[in-house]
Amino acid sequence: MVETAGEAARPGRRQAQSRQTRELIVTCAGELFLANGYMATSIEAVATRAGVAIQTIYNSVGNKPALLSAVLDAAVAGPNAPATVPEFMRERVAKAADVAGVVGVLADWFAEGMPRSQAVFTIISQAAAVDPAVAVLREQRAAQRLANYRLAAAAVRARGGLANGMDDDSAAAAIFAVGHPDSYATLVAQFGWSLPHYRDWIHASLLAILS
């Protein structure tokens, strides 16, 4: 039997529709989490807002903690999606010629990503206090960030940085601490720092630590 062009195109259309449905679900979940909080937002409410069946959410994204994780992914990636943060950050770091360039990439990224994602990090922290599954999620996502920062530390070392004897794990921990969502929340949201001020502080701090 000869496959027609229409039949060959159907899997691609189905994949596109599935991706669009997933994006809609994640968007609606994010809106509800931000408006009502994690605990007050049910899967049923997300399904109603997205206009899909409850089972579609489980099939497309997963359970409620998985939905929260997907909301965080969407927030941090922003307009860079569907590329993931590790993917496009590897590309950016690869273009940096020296230590200052790598640190500049990191500072630019924190200034770009934190305004989109800090509120979601806050929701995760609040929910982790009462939901063990979200507490596990918070630990997993922190471990992922630390692993990604080890790659950044290795890139700094490859360009002659860490001349002070700091190892990659310690350098990754420094990036983790300086770029932590709580630091952004305190300095920008609480103390009223401007985004350029925050970005320059990130850059100066990491350059001093990692050189």
N, C-alpha and C. Protein backbone atom coordinates (compact mmCIF):
# COMPACT_ATOMS: atom_id res chain seq x y z
N MET A 1 0.84 -1.20 0.00
CA MET A 1 0.00 0.00 0.00
C MET A 1 0.87 1.25 0.00
N VAL A 2 0.57 2.21 -0.87
CA VAL A 2 1.36 3.43 -0.98
C VAL A 2 0.80 4.47 -0.01
N GLU A 3 1.70 5.05 0.79
CA GLU A 3 1.29 6.08 1.75
C GLU A 3 1.13 7.41 1.05
N THR A 4 0.02 8.07 1.25
CA THR A 4 -0.21 9.37 0.64
C THR A 4 0.47 10.46 1.46
N ALA A 5 0.61 11.64 0.83
CA ALA A 5 1.25 12.77 1.50
C ALA A 5 0.45 13.18 2.73
N GLY A 6 -0.89 13.10 2.61
CA GLY A 6 -1.73 13.46 3.76
C GLY A 6 -1.52 12.54 4.93
N GLU A 7 -1.40 11.23 4.65
CA GLU A 7 -1.18 10.27 5.71
C GLU A 7 0.18 10.47 6.36
N ALA A 8 1.19 10.80 5.55
CA ALA A 8 2.53 11.02 6.09
C ALA A 8 2.57 12.24 6.98
N ALA A 9 1.72 13.21 6.69
CA ALA A 9 1.75 14.47 7.45
C ALA A 9 1.01 14.36 8.77
N ARG A 10 0.13 13.34 8.91
CA ARG A 10 -0.70 13.27 10.10
C ARG A 10 0.10 13.18 11.39
N PRO A 11 1.16 12.32 11.49
CA PRO A 11 1.91 12.28 12.75
C PRO A 11 2.48 13.63 13.13
N GLY A 12 2.96 14.39 12.13
CA GLY A 12 3.49 15.71 12.42
C GLY A 12 2.43 16.65 12.94
N ARG A 13 1.24 16.57 12.38
CA ARG A 13 0.14 17.41 12.84
C ARG A 13 -0.28 17.02 14.25
N ARG A 14 -0.33 15.72 14.51
CA ARG A 14 -0.70 15.26 15.84
C ARG A 14 0.31 15.73 16.88
N GLN A 15 1.58 15.65 16.54
CA GLN A 15 2.62 16.10 17.46
C GLN A 15 2.49 17.59 17.73
N ALA A 16 2.21 18.37 16.67
CA ALA A 16 2.05 19.81 16.84
C ALA A 16 0.84 20.12 17.71
N GLN A 17 -0.25 19.39 17.51
CA GLN A 17 -1.45 19.60 18.32
C GLN A 17 -1.20 19.22 19.78
N SER A 18 -0.48 18.12 19.99
CA SER A 18 -0.15 17.70 21.35
C SER A 18 0.72 18.74 22.04
N ARG A 19 1.68 19.30 21.29
CA ARG A 19 2.55 20.32 21.86
C ARG A 19 1.76 21.57 22.21
N GLN A 20 0.85 21.97 21.33
CA GLN A 20 0.03 23.15 21.59
C GLN A 20 -0.88 22.94 22.79
N THR A 21 -1.44 21.74 22.90
CA THR A 21 -2.29 21.43 24.05
C THR A 21 -1.50 21.49 25.34
N ARG A 22 -0.31 20.93 25.31
CA ARG A 22 0.54 20.95 26.51
C ARG A 22 0.89 22.39 26.90
N GLU A 23 1.26 23.20 25.91
CA GLU A 23 1.60 24.59 26.20
C GLU A 23 0.42 25.34 26.79
N LEU A 24 -0.78 25.05 26.28
CA LEU A 24 -1.99 25.70 26.81
C LEU A 24 -2.23 25.29 28.26
N ILE A 25 -2.08 24.01 28.54
CA ILE A 25 -2.28 23.51 29.90
C ILE A 25 -1.29 24.17 30.86
N VAL A 26 -0.03 24.22 30.46
CA VAL A 26 1.01 24.81 31.32
C VAL A 26 0.75 26.30 31.54
N THR A 27 0.34 27.00 30.48
CA THR A 27 0.03 28.42 30.62
C THR A 27 -1.11 28.64 31.60
N CYS A 28 -2.16 27.87 31.45
CA CYS A 28 -3.32 28.01 32.34
C CYS A 28 -2.96 27.65 33.78
N ALA A 29 -2.16 26.62 33.95
CA ALA A 29 -1.73 26.24 35.29
C ALA A 29 -0.92 27.36 35.93
N GLY A 30 -0.02 27.94 35.16
CA GLY A 30 0.79 29.03 35.69
C GLY A 30 -0.05 30.21 36.12
N GLU A 31 -1.05 30.54 35.32
CA GLU A 31 -1.94 31.66 35.68
C GLU A 31 -2.68 31.38 36.98
N LEU A 32 -3.15 30.16 37.13
CA LEU A 32 -3.90 29.81 38.35
C LEU A 32 -2.99 29.72 39.57
N PHE A 33 -1.81 29.14 39.40
CA PHE A 33 -0.87 29.06 40.52
C PHE A 33 -0.51 30.47 41.00
N LEU A 34 -0.26 31.38 40.07
CA LEU A 34 0.12 32.74 40.45
C LEU A 34 -1.03 33.50 41.08
N ALA A 35 -2.23 33.24 40.60
CA ALA A 35 -3.40 33.97 41.12
C ALA A 35 -3.89 33.42 42.45
N ASN A 36 -3.89 32.08 42.58
CA ASN A 36 -4.54 31.46 43.73
C ASN A 36 -3.61 30.68 44.65
N GLY A 37 -2.37 30.47 44.21
CA GLY A 37 -1.46 29.63 44.97
C GLY A 37 -1.55 28.18 44.55
N TYR A 38 -0.53 27.41 44.93
CA TYR A 38 -0.45 26.02 44.51
C TYR A 38 -1.53 25.17 45.17
N MET A 39 -1.68 25.28 46.49
CA MET A 39 -2.59 24.40 47.20
C MET A 39 -4.04 24.65 46.81
N ALA A 40 -4.39 25.89 46.50
CA ALA A 40 -5.77 26.22 46.16
C ALA A 40 -6.11 25.94 44.70
N THR A 41 -5.12 25.55 43.92
CA THR A 41 -5.34 25.26 42.51
C THR A 41 -5.43 23.76 42.30
N SER A 42 -6.54 23.30 41.78
CA SER A 42 -6.73 21.87 41.55
C SER A 42 -6.49 21.53 40.07
N ILE A 43 -6.24 20.26 39.83
CA ILE A 43 -6.13 19.78 38.45
C ILE A 43 -7.43 20.06 37.71
N GLU A 44 -8.56 19.90 38.41
CA GLU A 44 -9.86 20.15 37.79
C GLU A 44 -9.97 21.61 37.34
N ALA A 45 -9.47 22.53 38.16
CA ALA A 45 -9.53 23.95 37.80
C ALA A 45 -8.68 24.23 36.57
N VAL A 46 -7.51 23.61 36.50
CA VAL A 46 -6.64 23.80 35.33
C VAL A 46 -7.32 23.24 34.08
N ALA A 47 -7.94 22.07 34.21
CA ALA A 47 -8.62 21.46 33.08
C ALA A 47 -9.76 22.36 32.58
N THR A 48 -10.51 22.92 33.52
CA THR A 48 -11.62 23.81 33.14
C THR A 48 -11.10 25.04 32.42
N ARG A 49 -10.04 25.63 32.95
CA ARG A 49 -9.51 26.85 32.34
C ARG A 49 -8.94 26.57 30.95
N ALA A 50 -8.30 25.41 30.80
CA ALA A 50 -7.70 25.07 29.51
C ALA A 50 -8.70 24.48 28.53
N GLY A 51 -9.88 24.08 29.03
CA GLY A 51 -10.89 23.49 28.17
C GLY A 51 -10.52 22.09 27.72
N VAL A 52 -9.88 21.32 28.61
CA VAL A 52 -9.49 19.96 28.27
C VAL A 52 -9.99 19.02 29.36
N ALA A 53 -9.95 17.73 29.08
CA ALA A 53 -10.31 16.73 30.07
C ALA A 53 -9.20 16.60 31.11
N ILE A 54 -9.56 16.22 32.32
CA ILE A 54 -8.57 16.03 33.37
C ILE A 54 -7.52 15.01 32.95
N GLN A 55 -7.96 13.92 32.32
CA GLN A 55 -7.01 12.90 31.90
C GLN A 55 -6.01 13.42 30.89
N THR A 56 -6.42 14.41 30.10
CA THR A 56 -5.50 15.01 29.13
C THR A 56 -4.31 15.66 29.84
N ILE A 57 -4.57 16.26 30.99
CA ILE A 57 -3.48 16.87 31.75
C ILE A 57 -2.51 15.80 32.22
N TYR A 58 -3.04 14.72 32.76
CA TYR A 58 -2.16 13.64 33.23
C TYR A 58 -1.37 13.03 32.07
N ASN A 59 -2.03 12.87 30.92
CA ASN A 59 -1.35 12.28 29.76
C ASN A 59 -0.31 13.22 29.16
N SER A 60 -0.60 14.52 29.16
CA SER A 60 0.25 15.49 28.49
C SER A 60 1.38 16.00 29.38
N VAL A 61 1.10 16.20 30.66
CA VAL A 61 2.09 16.80 31.56
C VAL A 61 2.40 15.88 32.74
N GLY A 62 1.36 15.41 33.42
CA GLY A 62 1.57 14.58 34.59
C GLY A 62 0.73 15.04 35.76
N ASN A 63 1.16 14.70 36.96
CA ASN A 63 0.40 15.08 38.15
C ASN A 63 0.65 16.55 38.51
N LYS A 64 0.13 16.97 39.64
CA LYS A 64 0.21 18.38 40.00
C LYS A 64 1.64 18.87 40.22
N PRO A 65 2.51 18.14 40.93
CA PRO A 65 3.90 18.59 41.02
C PRO A 65 4.59 18.66 39.66
N ALA A 66 4.29 17.71 38.78
CA ALA A 66 4.86 17.77 37.43
C ALA A 66 4.38 19.00 36.68
N LEU A 67 3.14 19.37 36.92
CA LEU A 67 2.58 20.57 36.31
C LEU A 67 3.32 21.81 36.81
N LEU A 68 3.61 21.85 38.11
CA LEU A 68 4.35 22.98 38.66
C LEU A 68 5.77 23.04 38.10
N SER A 69 6.39 21.89 37.93
CA SER A 69 7.72 21.83 37.34
C SER A 69 7.70 22.35 35.90
N ALA A 70 6.66 21.98 35.15
CA ALA A 70 6.53 22.44 33.77
C ALA A 70 6.30 23.94 33.71
N VAL A 71 5.56 24.47 34.68
CA VAL A 71 5.35 25.92 34.75
C VAL A 71 6.69 26.62 34.98
N LEU A 72 7.53 26.07 35.84
CA LEU A 72 8.85 26.65 36.07
C LEU A 72 9.69 26.58 34.80
N ASP A 73 9.67 25.45 34.10
CA ASP A 73 10.41 25.33 32.85
C ASP A 73 10.00 26.42 31.86
N ALA A 74 8.70 26.61 31.73
CA ALA A 74 8.21 27.61 30.79
C ALA A 74 8.64 29.02 31.20
N ALA A 75 8.62 29.28 32.50
CA ALA A 75 8.99 30.61 32.99
C ALA A 75 10.46 30.90 32.75
N VAL A 76 11.33 29.96 33.05
CA VAL A 76 12.75 30.22 32.91
C VAL A 76 13.17 30.27 31.44
N ALA A 77 12.57 29.44 30.60
CA ALA A 77 12.94 29.45 29.18
C ALA A 77 12.37 30.66 28.46
N GLY A 78 11.15 31.06 28.81
CA GLY A 78 10.55 32.23 28.20
C GLY A 78 10.52 32.14 26.68
N PRO A 79 10.92 33.21 25.99
CA PRO A 79 10.87 33.21 24.53
C PRO A 79 11.90 32.30 23.88
N ASN A 80 12.82 31.75 24.68
CA ASN A 80 13.82 30.83 24.12
C ASN A 80 13.25 29.44 23.86
N ALA A 81 12.08 29.14 24.44
CA ALA A 81 11.45 27.83 24.22
C ALA A 81 11.14 27.64 22.74
N PRO A 82 11.18 26.40 22.23
CA PRO A 82 11.24 25.14 22.98
C PRO A 82 12.64 24.72 23.44
N ALA A 83 13.68 25.50 23.12
CA ALA A 83 15.00 25.14 23.64
C ALA A 83 14.99 25.22 25.16
N THR A 84 15.67 24.29 25.79
CA THR A 84 15.76 24.29 27.25
C THR A 84 16.88 25.24 27.68
N VAL A 85 16.88 25.60 28.96
CA VAL A 85 17.91 26.50 29.46
C VAL A 85 19.31 25.91 29.25
N PRO A 86 19.58 24.65 29.61
CA PRO A 86 20.93 24.12 29.36
C PRO A 86 21.32 24.19 27.89
N GLU A 87 20.37 23.98 26.99
CA GLU A 87 20.69 24.00 25.56
C GLU A 87 21.13 25.39 25.11
N PHE A 88 20.31 26.40 25.38
CA PHE A 88 20.69 27.71 24.84
C PHE A 88 21.81 28.37 25.65
N MET A 89 21.95 27.99 26.92
CA MET A 89 23.07 28.53 27.69
C MET A 89 24.40 27.94 27.22
N ARG A 90 24.42 26.68 26.83
CA ARG A 90 25.65 26.11 26.25
C ARG A 90 26.07 26.87 25.02
N GLU A 91 25.10 27.23 24.19
CA GLU A 91 25.41 27.98 22.98
C GLU A 91 25.97 29.36 23.32
N ARG A 92 25.39 30.01 24.31
CA ARG A 92 25.85 31.35 24.68
C ARG A 92 27.25 31.30 25.28
N VAL A 93 27.48 30.35 26.18
CA VAL A 93 28.78 30.24 26.82
C VAL A 93 29.86 29.88 25.80
N ALA A 94 29.52 29.05 24.82
CA ALA A 94 30.51 28.66 23.81
C ALA A 94 31.03 29.85 23.02
N LYS A 95 30.25 30.91 22.93
CA LYS A 95 30.66 32.10 22.19
C LYS A 95 31.52 33.06 23.02
N ALA A 96 31.62 32.80 24.33
CA ALA A 96 32.39 33.68 25.20
C ALA A 96 33.88 33.38 25.06
N ALA A 97 34.67 34.42 24.83
CA ALA A 97 36.09 34.23 24.55
C ALA A 97 36.95 34.13 25.80
N ASP A 98 36.48 34.70 26.92
CA ASP A 98 37.31 34.73 28.12
C ASP A 98 36.44 34.62 29.37
N VAL A 99 37.09 34.71 30.52
CA VAL A 99 36.36 34.56 31.78
C VAL A 99 35.30 35.63 31.92
N ALA A 100 35.66 36.88 31.63
CA ALA A 100 34.69 37.97 31.73
C ALA A 100 33.49 37.73 30.82
N GLY A 101 33.74 37.11 29.67
CA GLY A 101 32.64 36.82 28.76
C GLY A 101 31.68 35.79 29.32
N VAL A 102 32.23 34.73 29.93
CA VAL A 102 31.37 33.71 30.54
C VAL A 102 30.58 34.31 31.70
N VAL A 103 31.25 35.10 32.53
CA VAL A 103 30.56 35.74 33.65
C VAL A 103 29.48 36.69 33.15
N GLY A 104 29.76 37.37 32.05
CA GLY A 104 28.76 38.25 31.45
C GLY A 104 27.54 37.49 30.98
N VAL A 105 27.76 36.31 30.41
CA VAL A 105 26.64 35.47 29.98
C VAL A 105 25.79 35.09 31.19
N LEU A 106 26.44 34.70 32.28
CA LEU A 106 25.71 34.33 33.49
C LEU A 106 24.93 35.51 34.06
N ALA A 107 25.58 36.66 34.13
CA ALA A 107 24.91 37.85 34.68
C ALA A 107 23.72 38.24 33.82
N ASP A 108 23.91 38.21 32.51
CA ASP A 108 22.79 38.53 31.61
C ASP A 108 21.65 37.54 31.78
N TRP A 109 21.99 36.26 31.98
CA TRP A 109 20.96 35.24 32.11
C TRP A 109 20.15 35.44 33.39
N PHE A 110 20.82 35.70 34.50
CA PHE A 110 20.08 35.91 35.74
C PHE A 110 19.17 37.14 35.62
N ALA A 111 19.66 38.18 35.00
CA ALA A 111 18.84 39.39 34.83
C ALA A 111 17.70 39.15 33.86
N GLU A 112 17.87 38.22 32.95
CA GLU A 112 16.81 37.89 31.98
C GLU A 112 15.78 36.95 32.58
N GLY A 113 16.26 35.91 33.25
CA GLY A 113 15.37 34.84 33.68
C GLY A 113 14.67 35.06 35.00
N MET A 114 15.31 35.76 35.93
CA MET A 114 14.71 35.91 37.26
C MET A 114 13.39 36.69 37.26
N PRO A 115 13.27 37.77 36.49
CA PRO A 115 11.98 38.46 36.51
C PRO A 115 10.81 37.59 36.05
N ARG A 116 11.09 36.61 35.19
CA ARG A 116 10.03 35.71 34.72
C ARG A 116 9.74 34.60 35.71
N SER A 117 10.76 34.17 36.44
CA SER A 117 10.63 32.93 37.18
C SER A 117 10.58 33.08 38.70
N GLN A 118 10.95 34.23 39.23
CA GLN A 118 11.06 34.35 40.69
C GLN A 118 9.74 34.06 41.40
N ALA A 119 8.63 34.51 40.82
CA ALA A 119 7.33 34.25 41.44
C ALA A 119 7.03 32.76 41.49
N VAL A 120 7.45 32.02 40.48
CA VAL A 120 7.22 30.57 40.48
C VAL A 120 8.10 29.90 41.53
N PHE A 121 9.35 30.36 41.66
CA PHE A 121 10.20 29.84 42.72
C PHE A 121 9.57 30.07 44.10
N THR A 122 8.94 31.22 44.28
CA THR A 122 8.28 31.52 45.54
C THR A 122 7.13 30.55 45.79
N ILE A 123 6.34 30.27 44.76
CA ILE A 123 5.24 29.31 44.89
C ILE A 123 5.78 27.94 45.27
N ILE A 124 6.88 27.53 44.66
CA ILE A 124 7.48 26.24 44.98
C ILE A 124 7.92 26.19 46.43
N SER A 125 8.55 27.26 46.91
CA SER A 125 9.00 27.29 48.30
C SER A 125 7.83 27.23 49.27
N GLN A 126 6.78 27.97 48.96
CA GLN A 126 5.60 27.96 49.83
C GLN A 126 4.94 26.59 49.84
N ALA A 127 4.79 25.99 48.66
CA ALA A 127 4.13 24.69 48.58
C ALA A 127 4.98 23.59 49.20
N ALA A 128 6.31 23.73 49.10
CA ALA A 128 7.20 22.70 49.66
C ALA A 128 7.04 22.57 51.17
N ALA A 129 6.60 23.65 51.82
CA ALA A 129 6.44 23.61 53.27
C ALA A 129 5.28 22.73 53.71
N VAL A 130 4.35 22.44 52.80
CA VAL A 130 3.16 21.66 53.18
C VAL A 130 2.95 20.42 52.31
N ASP A 131 3.67 20.32 51.19
CA ASP A 131 3.49 19.19 50.29
C ASP A 131 4.83 18.49 50.10
N PRO A 132 5.01 17.28 50.62
CA PRO A 132 6.29 16.59 50.49
C PRO A 132 6.74 16.38 49.05
N ALA A 133 5.78 16.18 48.15
CA ALA A 133 6.14 15.98 46.74
C ALA A 133 6.77 17.23 46.15
N VAL A 134 6.27 18.39 46.54
CA VAL A 134 6.85 19.63 46.05
C VAL A 134 8.20 19.89 46.72
N ALA A 135 8.35 19.46 47.97
CA ALA A 135 9.65 19.58 48.63
C ALA A 135 10.71 18.78 47.87
N VAL A 136 10.32 17.59 47.41
CA VAL A 136 11.23 16.78 46.59
C VAL A 136 11.53 17.49 45.29
N LEU A 137 10.51 18.07 44.68
CA LEU A 137 10.69 18.81 43.44
C LEU A 137 11.68 19.96 43.64
N ARG A 138 11.52 20.71 44.73
CA ARG A 138 12.43 21.83 44.98
C ARG A 138 13.87 21.35 45.09
N GLU A 139 14.08 20.24 45.80
CA GLU A 139 15.43 19.70 45.94
C GLU A 139 15.99 19.25 44.60
N GLN A 140 15.15 18.61 43.80
CA GLN A 140 15.60 18.13 42.49
C GLN A 140 15.98 19.28 41.58
N ARG A 141 15.16 20.32 41.57
CA ARG A 141 15.45 21.46 40.69
C ARG A 141 16.70 22.21 41.15
N ALA A 142 16.90 22.30 42.45
CA ALA A 142 18.12 22.92 42.96
C ALA A 142 19.35 22.12 42.54
N ALA A 143 19.25 20.80 42.63
CA ALA A 143 20.36 19.94 42.21
C ALA A 143 20.64 20.09 40.73
N GLN A 144 19.60 20.23 39.93
CA GLN A 144 19.79 20.44 38.49
C GLN A 144 20.52 21.75 38.22
N ARG A 145 20.12 22.81 38.93
CA ARG A 145 20.78 24.10 38.72
C ARG A 145 22.26 24.01 39.10
N LEU A 146 22.54 23.35 40.22
CA LEU A 146 23.92 23.21 40.66
C LEU A 146 24.75 22.44 39.64
N ALA A 147 24.17 21.39 39.06
CA ALA A 147 24.88 20.62 38.03
C ALA A 147 25.17 21.49 36.81
N ASN A 148 24.20 22.31 36.42
CA ASN A 148 24.42 23.20 35.29
C ASN A 148 25.52 24.22 35.58
N TYR A 149 25.58 24.68 36.83
CA TYR A 149 26.60 25.66 37.19
C TYR A 149 27.99 25.03 37.22
N ARG A 150 28.07 23.73 37.44
CA ARG A 150 29.36 23.05 37.32
C ARG A 150 29.89 23.14 35.89
N LEU A 151 28.98 23.06 34.92
CA LEU A 151 29.39 23.22 33.52
C LEU A 151 29.91 24.62 33.27
N ALA A 152 29.25 25.61 33.87
CA ALA A 152 29.72 27.00 33.73
C ALA A 152 31.08 27.17 34.39
N ALA A 153 31.27 26.53 35.54
CA ALA A 153 32.56 26.60 36.22
C ALA A 153 33.66 25.99 35.36
N ALA A 154 33.35 24.87 34.73
CA ALA A 154 34.33 24.24 33.85
C ALA A 154 34.67 25.14 32.67
N ALA A 155 33.68 25.87 32.16
CA ALA A 155 33.93 26.80 31.06
C ALA A 155 34.82 27.95 31.52
N VAL A 156 34.61 28.40 32.75
CA VAL A 156 35.48 29.45 33.31
C VAL A 156 36.91 28.94 33.43
N ARG A 157 37.07 27.74 33.95
CA ARG A 157 38.41 27.16 34.11
C ARG A 157 39.10 27.00 32.75
N ALA A 158 38.34 26.58 31.74
CA ALA A 158 38.92 26.37 30.42
C ALA A 158 39.44 27.67 29.81
N ARG A 159 38.95 28.80 30.30
CA ARG A 159 39.38 30.10 29.79
C ARG A 159 40.38 30.79 30.72
N GLY A 160 40.94 30.01 31.64
CA GLY A 160 41.97 30.53 32.51
C GLY A 160 41.49 31.05 33.84
N GLY A 161 40.22 30.86 34.17
CA GLY A 161 39.70 31.31 35.44
C GLY A 161 39.98 30.34 36.57
N LEU A 162 39.47 30.64 37.75
CA LEU A 162 39.67 29.84 38.96
C LEU A 162 41.16 29.71 39.28
N ALA A 163 41.91 30.76 38.96
CA ALA A 163 43.34 30.76 39.23
C ALA A 163 43.63 30.83 40.72
N ASN A 164 42.63 31.11 41.53
CA ASN A 164 42.79 31.18 42.98
C ASN A 164 42.78 29.80 43.64
N GLY A 165 42.67 28.75 42.85
CA GLY A 165 42.69 27.40 43.39
C GLY A 165 41.32 26.81 43.68
N MET A 166 40.27 27.58 43.45
CA MET A 166 38.92 27.08 43.69
C MET A 166 38.60 25.92 42.75
N ASP A 167 37.98 24.87 43.28
CA ASP A 167 37.61 23.75 42.41
C ASP A 167 36.25 24.02 41.78
N ASP A 168 35.88 23.17 40.83
CA ASP A 168 34.65 23.41 40.07
C ASP A 168 33.40 23.33 40.95
N ASP A 169 33.41 22.41 41.91
CA ASP A 169 32.24 22.29 42.78
C ASP A 169 32.04 23.55 43.62
N SER A 170 33.13 24.10 44.14
CA SER A 170 33.04 25.32 44.93
C SER A 170 32.61 26.50 44.05
N ALA A 171 33.13 26.54 42.82
CA ALA A 171 32.74 27.61 41.90
C ALA A 171 31.26 27.51 41.56
N ALA A 172 30.78 26.27 41.34
CA ALA A 172 29.36 26.08 41.05
C ALA A 172 28.51 26.53 42.23
N ALA A 173 28.97 26.23 43.45
CA ALA A 173 28.23 26.65 44.65
C ALA A 173 28.18 28.17 44.75
N ALA A 174 29.25 28.84 44.36
CA ALA A 174 29.28 30.31 44.39
C ALA A 174 28.27 30.88 43.40
N ILE A 175 28.23 30.32 42.20
CA ILE A 175 27.25 30.78 41.20
C ILE A 175 25.84 30.54 41.71
N PHE A 176 25.63 29.37 42.31
CA PHE A 176 24.32 29.01 42.87
C PHE A 176 23.88 30.03 43.92
N ALA A 177 24.79 30.40 44.81
CA ALA A 177 24.45 31.31 45.90
C ALA A 177 24.19 32.73 45.39
N VAL A 178 25.08 33.22 44.55
CA VAL A 178 24.93 34.59 44.04
C VAL A 178 23.67 34.72 43.19
N GLY A 179 23.41 33.70 42.37
CA GLY A 179 22.26 33.76 41.46
C GLY A 179 21.00 33.11 42.01
N HIS A 180 20.93 32.90 43.30
CA HIS A 180 19.76 32.23 43.88
C HIS A 180 18.52 33.11 43.76
N PRO A 181 17.36 32.50 43.51
CA PRO A 181 16.12 33.29 43.43
C PRO A 181 15.86 34.14 44.66
N ASP A 182 16.25 33.65 45.84
CA ASP A 182 16.04 34.43 47.06
C ASP A 182 16.86 35.71 47.05
N SER A 183 18.05 35.67 46.45
CA SER A 183 18.86 36.88 46.35
C SER A 183 18.17 37.90 45.47
N TYR A 184 17.64 37.43 44.35
CA TYR A 184 16.90 38.35 43.47
C TYR A 184 15.70 38.93 44.18
N ALA A 185 14.95 38.09 44.88
CA ALA A 185 13.75 38.56 45.57
C ALA A 185 14.10 39.60 46.62
N THR A 186 15.18 39.38 47.34
CA THR A 186 15.57 40.32 48.39
C THR A 186 16.07 41.63 47.80
N LEU A 187 16.97 41.55 46.84
CA LEU A 187 17.62 42.75 46.33
C LEU A 187 16.70 43.58 45.44
N VAL A 188 15.95 42.92 44.58
CA VAL A 188 15.13 43.65 43.61
C VAL A 188 13.73 43.90 44.16
N ALA A 189 13.05 42.84 44.58
CA ALA A 189 11.67 42.99 45.03
C ALA A 189 11.57 43.69 46.39
N GLN A 190 12.48 43.34 47.30
CA GLN A 190 12.38 43.90 48.65
C GLN A 190 13.14 45.22 48.79
N PHE A 191 14.39 45.26 48.31
CA PHE A 191 15.21 46.45 48.48
C PHE A 191 15.06 47.46 47.35
N GLY A 192 14.40 47.07 46.27
CA GLY A 192 14.12 48.00 45.19
C GLY A 192 15.26 48.26 44.22
N TRP A 193 16.22 47.33 44.16
CA TRP A 193 17.28 47.50 43.17
C TRP A 193 16.69 47.47 41.76
N SER A 194 17.29 48.24 40.87
CA SER A 194 16.91 48.16 39.46
C SER A 194 17.51 46.91 38.86
N LEU A 195 16.96 46.47 37.73
CA LEU A 195 17.48 45.28 37.07
C LEU A 195 18.92 45.48 36.60
N PRO A 196 19.28 46.64 36.03
CA PRO A 196 20.69 46.86 35.67
C PRO A 196 21.63 46.79 36.88
N HIS A 197 21.18 47.35 38.01
CA HIS A 197 22.00 47.28 39.23
C HIS A 197 22.20 45.84 39.65
N TYR A 198 21.12 45.07 39.64
CA TYR A 198 21.21 43.65 39.99
C TYR A 198 22.14 42.92 39.05
N ARG A 199 22.02 43.17 37.76
CA ARG A 199 22.88 42.50 36.77
C ARG A 199 24.35 42.86 37.00
N ASP A 200 24.64 44.13 37.24
CA ASP A 200 26.02 44.56 37.45
C ASP A 200 26.59 43.96 38.74
N TRP A 201 25.75 43.82 39.77
CA TRP A 201 26.20 43.20 41.01
C TRP A 201 26.54 41.73 40.80
N ILE A 202 25.70 41.03 40.06
CA ILE A 202 25.98 39.63 39.71
C ILE A 202 27.32 39.54 38.99
N HIS A 203 27.50 40.39 38.01
CA HIS A 203 28.72 40.35 37.19
C HIS A 203 29.95 40.63 38.04
N ALA A 204 29.91 41.69 38.83
CA ALA A 204 31.08 42.04 39.65
C ALA A 204 31.38 40.97 40.69
N SER A 205 30.34 40.44 41.30
CA SER A 205 30.53 39.43 42.35
C SER A 205 31.14 38.15 41.77
N LEU A 206 30.57 37.66 40.68
CA LEU A 206 31.07 36.42 40.10
C LEU A 206 32.46 36.60 39.49
N LEU A 207 32.72 37.76 38.92
CA LEU A 207 34.04 38.01 38.34
C LEU A 207 35.10 37.99 39.44
N ALA A 208 34.78 38.59 40.59
CA ALA A 208 35.73 38.60 41.70
C ALA A 208 35.96 37.19 42.25
N ILE A 209 34.91 36.38 42.28
CA ILE A 209 35.01 35.04 42.85
C ILE A 209 35.70 34.06 41.91
N LEU A 210 35.39 34.15 40.62
CA LEU A 210 35.78 33.12 39.66
C LEU A 210 37.06 33.41 38.90
N SER A 211 37.60 34.58 39.02
CA SER A 211 38.81 34.93 38.26
C SER A 211 40.04 34.20 38.80
